[in-house]
Amino acid sequence: MNKIDTIIFDLGGVLIDWNPEYVYLDVFNGNREKMQWFFDNICTSDWNKNQDAGYPMAKATKERIALFPEWQKEIEMFYGRWEDMLGDAISGTVDILKKLIDSKQYKVVALTNWSAETFPIALKKFGFLHWFEGVLVSGEEKTRKPFDAIYHLTLNRFDIKAENAIFIDDSLTNVEAANNLDINGIHFTSPNQLIQQLKKYNINI
């Protein structure tokens, strides 16, 4: 096994709790079925990912309203109330992050699918985002995970050797894409699971 010298963290779902349900459960009066239909058909995951790759939120909102004018109010809420979708830090993972940084044994960076327009809100809210040696934000780069380009950008920008790095993400698709480029991957499900997975690389938290 190659010696690990770099840890690459995803943010949303790993270190930060973000969930549109925090807004739309209230909008749809607790009707999960109706809310899920809205996410599957109107403000879809793929639509939101497009903004993560740098597409302007105002333009995306306007275009979506043109397609579904009867849903204008609910569509405008997606980015209009985006901050209300931002939950708390996932404290167990933040503790792991701190221990890795404090050990001074690893380069610790972040690679996130995040709109460049909303990322400053997160930077202001979560102090630990300033601990990283660097953060690569998809919306600033006009590409996103799981496309190869964003992994290559990360490796090059932070002078990382793929085989010496671990990439941690809550999306299995993103982890598999990293694996295909010889980056070691951990599919995150919980802080305790992450601690156990890191032990496989002789990293004890």
Protein backbone atom coordinates (compact mmCIF):
# COMPACT_ATOMS: atom_id res chain seq x y z
CA MET A 1 0.00 0.00 0.00
CA ASN A 2 1.26 3.49 -0.89
CA LYS A 3 1.91 5.87 1.99
CA ILE A 4 -1.01 8.23 2.39
CA ASP A 5 0.04 11.87 2.65
CA THR A 6 -3.13 13.68 1.54
CA ILE A 7 -6.77 13.61 2.64
CA ILE A 8 -9.41 15.15 0.35
CA PHE A 9 -12.79 15.88 1.95
CA ASP A 10 -16.13 16.45 0.29
CA LEU A 11 -18.18 19.01 2.24
CA GLY A 12 -21.95 18.60 1.86
CA GLY A 13 -23.10 15.37 3.47
CA VAL A 14 -19.68 14.74 5.03
CA LEU A 15 -18.85 17.86 7.06
CA ILE A 16 -21.97 19.96 6.48
CA ASP A 17 -25.61 18.96 6.68
CA TRP A 18 -27.47 20.42 3.67
CA ASN A 19 -30.95 19.27 2.79
CA PRO A 20 -33.73 20.98 0.78
CA GLU A 21 -36.24 19.07 2.90
CA TYR A 22 -35.64 21.63 5.64
CA VAL A 23 -37.56 24.11 3.46
CA TYR A 24 -39.91 21.99 1.40
CA LEU A 25 -41.35 19.76 4.12
CA ASP A 26 -42.90 22.93 5.48
CA VAL A 27 -43.88 24.17 2.00
CA PHE A 28 -45.75 20.92 1.33
CA ASN A 29 -47.22 20.72 4.86
CA GLY A 30 -45.29 17.59 5.74
CA ASN A 31 -46.47 15.71 2.63
CA ARG A 32 -43.32 13.77 1.74
CA GLU A 33 -44.86 12.19 -1.34
CA LYS A 34 -45.73 15.56 -2.87
CA MET A 35 -42.34 16.98 -1.90
CA GLN A 36 -40.53 14.04 -3.53
CA TRP A 37 -42.57 14.48 -6.70
CA PHE A 38 -41.44 18.12 -6.78
CA PHE A 39 -37.78 17.07 -6.42
CA ASP A 40 -38.16 14.36 -9.05
CA ASN A 41 -39.91 16.57 -11.61
CA ILE A 42 -39.44 20.30 -10.98
CA CYS A 43 -36.36 21.28 -8.94
CA THR A 44 -34.46 18.09 -9.67
CA SER A 45 -31.07 16.98 -8.44
CA ASP A 46 -29.64 17.23 -11.97
CA TRP A 47 -30.97 20.77 -12.30
CA ASN A 48 -29.30 21.81 -9.05
CA LYS A 49 -26.04 20.09 -10.05
CA ASN A 50 -25.93 22.32 -13.12
CA GLN A 51 -25.63 25.34 -10.82
CA ASP A 52 -22.93 23.49 -8.87
CA ALA A 53 -21.02 23.46 -12.16
CA GLY A 54 -21.24 27.24 -12.49
CA TYR A 55 -24.58 27.93 -14.18
CA PRO A 56 -26.09 31.20 -12.85
CA MET A 57 -28.82 30.60 -10.28
CA ALA A 58 -31.01 33.48 -11.43
CA LYS A 59 -30.94 32.26 -15.01
CA ALA A 60 -31.62 28.67 -13.96
CA THR A 61 -34.57 29.82 -11.84
CA LYS A 62 -36.04 31.92 -14.64
CA GLU A 63 -35.74 29.05 -17.13
CA ARG A 64 -37.35 26.58 -14.74
CA ILE A 65 -40.27 28.95 -14.11
CA ALA A 66 -40.76 29.29 -17.88
CA LEU A 67 -41.10 25.49 -18.05
CA PHE A 68 -43.34 25.20 -14.99
CA PRO A 69 -45.07 28.58 -14.45
CA GLU A 70 -47.63 27.09 -12.06
CA TRP A 71 -44.77 26.25 -9.69
CA GLN A 72 -43.15 29.72 -9.74
CA LYS A 73 -43.41 30.35 -6.01
CA GLU A 74 -41.94 26.95 -5.07
CA ILE A 75 -39.15 27.21 -7.67
CA GLU A 76 -38.11 30.67 -6.45
CA MET A 77 -37.79 29.27 -2.94
CA PHE A 78 -35.06 26.82 -3.97
CA TYR A 79 -32.36 29.46 -4.12
CA GLY A 80 -34.36 32.21 -2.43
CA ARG A 81 -34.38 30.17 0.78
CA TRP A 82 -31.17 28.23 0.14
CA GLU A 83 -29.65 29.33 3.43
CA ASP A 84 -32.56 27.69 5.29
CA MET A 85 -31.52 24.36 3.71
CA LEU A 86 -28.12 24.68 5.33
CA GLY A 87 -28.09 22.67 8.54
CA ASP A 88 -25.37 22.34 11.14
CA ALA A 89 -21.85 21.01 10.91
CA ILE A 90 -21.57 17.23 11.18
CA SER A 91 -19.61 17.50 14.41
CA GLY A 92 -18.17 13.98 14.44
CA THR A 93 -16.53 14.52 11.06
CA VAL A 94 -15.30 17.98 12.04
CA ASP A 95 -13.56 16.33 15.01
CA ILE A 96 -11.87 13.88 12.63
CA LEU A 97 -10.83 16.75 10.36
CA LYS A 98 -9.27 18.62 13.29
CA LYS A 99 -7.32 15.58 14.45
CA LEU A 100 -5.96 14.96 10.96
CA ILE A 101 -4.87 18.58 10.63
CA ASP A 102 -3.42 18.74 14.14
CA SER A 103 -1.36 15.60 13.48
CA LYS A 104 0.58 17.59 10.83
CA GLN A 105 1.10 14.32 8.94
CA TYR A 106 -1.23 15.07 6.04
CA LYS A 107 -2.08 17.67 3.47
CA VAL A 108 -5.82 18.22 4.01
CA VAL A 109 -7.89 19.82 1.25
CA ALA A 110 -11.54 19.92 0.18
CA LEU A 111 -13.23 19.18 -3.13
CA THR A 112 -16.88 20.19 -3.21
CA ASN A 113 -19.78 20.37 -5.63
CA TRP A 114 -21.09 23.79 -4.61
CA SER A 115 -22.38 26.87 -6.39
CA ALA A 116 -19.87 29.71 -6.39
CA GLU A 117 -22.78 32.02 -5.55
CA THR A 118 -23.72 30.29 -2.29
CA PHE A 119 -20.32 29.06 -1.10
CA PRO A 120 -19.47 32.40 0.59
CA ILE A 121 -22.49 31.83 2.89
CA ALA A 122 -20.98 28.54 4.03
CA LEU A 123 -17.53 30.13 4.46
CA LYS A 124 -19.06 32.71 6.77
CA LYS A 125 -21.06 30.17 8.78
CA PHE A 126 -18.50 27.37 9.23
CA GLY A 127 -15.12 28.39 10.62
CA PHE A 128 -13.58 24.97 9.92
CA LEU A 129 -13.77 25.65 6.17
CA HIS A 130 -10.79 27.96 6.73
CA TRP A 131 -8.68 25.13 8.19
CA PHE A 132 -8.02 23.46 4.83
CA GLU A 133 -4.83 24.03 2.88
CA GLY A 134 -7.11 24.65 -0.06
CA VAL A 135 -10.73 24.24 -1.18
CA LEU A 136 -11.69 23.55 -4.78
CA VAL A 137 -15.28 24.67 -5.45
CA SER A 138 -16.96 23.20 -8.52
CA GLY A 139 -18.97 26.34 -9.31
CA GLU A 140 -15.78 28.38 -9.52
CA GLU A 141 -14.20 25.84 -11.88
CA LYS A 142 -17.25 25.36 -14.17
CA THR A 143 -17.15 21.60 -13.77
CA ARG A 144 -18.12 19.16 -11.04
CA LYS A 145 -17.79 15.67 -9.65
CA PRO A 146 -17.92 12.99 -10.97
CA PHE A 147 -16.27 14.36 -14.14
CA ASP A 148 -12.57 13.55 -14.45
CA ALA A 149 -11.59 17.17 -15.05
CA ILE A 150 -12.32 18.28 -11.49
CA TYR A 151 -10.22 15.49 -9.97
CA HIS A 152 -7.32 16.32 -12.27
CA LEU A 153 -7.66 19.98 -11.29
CA THR A 154 -7.51 19.05 -7.61
CA LEU A 155 -4.45 16.84 -8.03
CA ASN A 156 -2.60 19.46 -10.06
CA ARG A 157 -3.54 22.51 -8.02
CA PHE A 158 -2.54 21.03 -4.68
CA ASP A 159 0.39 18.96 -5.99
CA ILE A 160 -1.17 15.63 -4.99
CA LYS A 161 -0.16 12.16 -6.17
CA ALA A 162 -3.36 10.20 -6.75
CA GLU A 163 -2.13 6.95 -5.21
CA ASN A 164 -1.02 8.80 -2.05
CA ALA A 165 -4.41 10.43 -1.46
CA ILE A 166 -7.70 9.42 0.15
CA PHE A 167 -10.89 11.02 -1.11
CA ILE A 168 -13.93 11.01 1.22
CA ASP A 169 -17.40 11.60 -0.24
CA ASP A 170 -20.97 10.61 0.62
CA SER A 171 -21.67 9.93 -3.07
CA LEU A 172 -20.60 6.47 -4.20
CA THR A 173 -20.56 7.71 -7.81
CA ASN A 174 -18.04 10.40 -6.91
CA VAL A 175 -15.89 7.92 -4.99
CA GLU A 176 -15.88 5.46 -7.89
CA ALA A 177 -14.85 8.24 -10.28
CA ALA A 178 -11.90 9.02 -8.00
CA ASN A 179 -10.98 5.33 -7.82
CA ASN A 180 -10.87 5.22 -11.62
CA LEU A 181 -8.10 7.84 -11.46
CA ASP A 182 -6.13 5.82 -8.88
CA ILE A 183 -7.26 7.98 -5.95
CA ASN A 184 -8.12 5.89 -2.88
CA GLY A 185 -11.76 6.42 -1.97
CA ILE A 186 -13.92 6.14 1.12
CA HIS A 187 -17.70 6.21 0.71
CA PHE A 188 -18.79 8.16 3.78
CA THR A 189 -21.87 7.08 5.72
CA SER A 190 -21.08 8.29 9.27
CA PRO A 191 -18.19 9.65 11.36
CA ASN A 192 -17.77 6.30 13.15
CA GLN A 193 -17.68 4.43 9.83
CA LEU A 194 -15.06 6.91 8.55
CA ILE A 195 -12.85 6.23 11.58
CA GLN A 196 -13.01 2.51 10.84
CA GLN A 197 -12.28 3.01 7.14
CA LEU A 198 -9.27 5.22 7.86
CA LYS A 199 -7.78 2.44 10.01
CA LYS A 200 -7.47 0.36 6.83
CA TYR A 201 -4.91 2.94 5.69
CA ASN A 202 -3.13 2.84 9.06
CA ILE A 203 -4.65 6.18 10.04
CA ASN A 204 -5.84 6.03 13.64
CA ILE A 205 -8.08 8.81 14.90
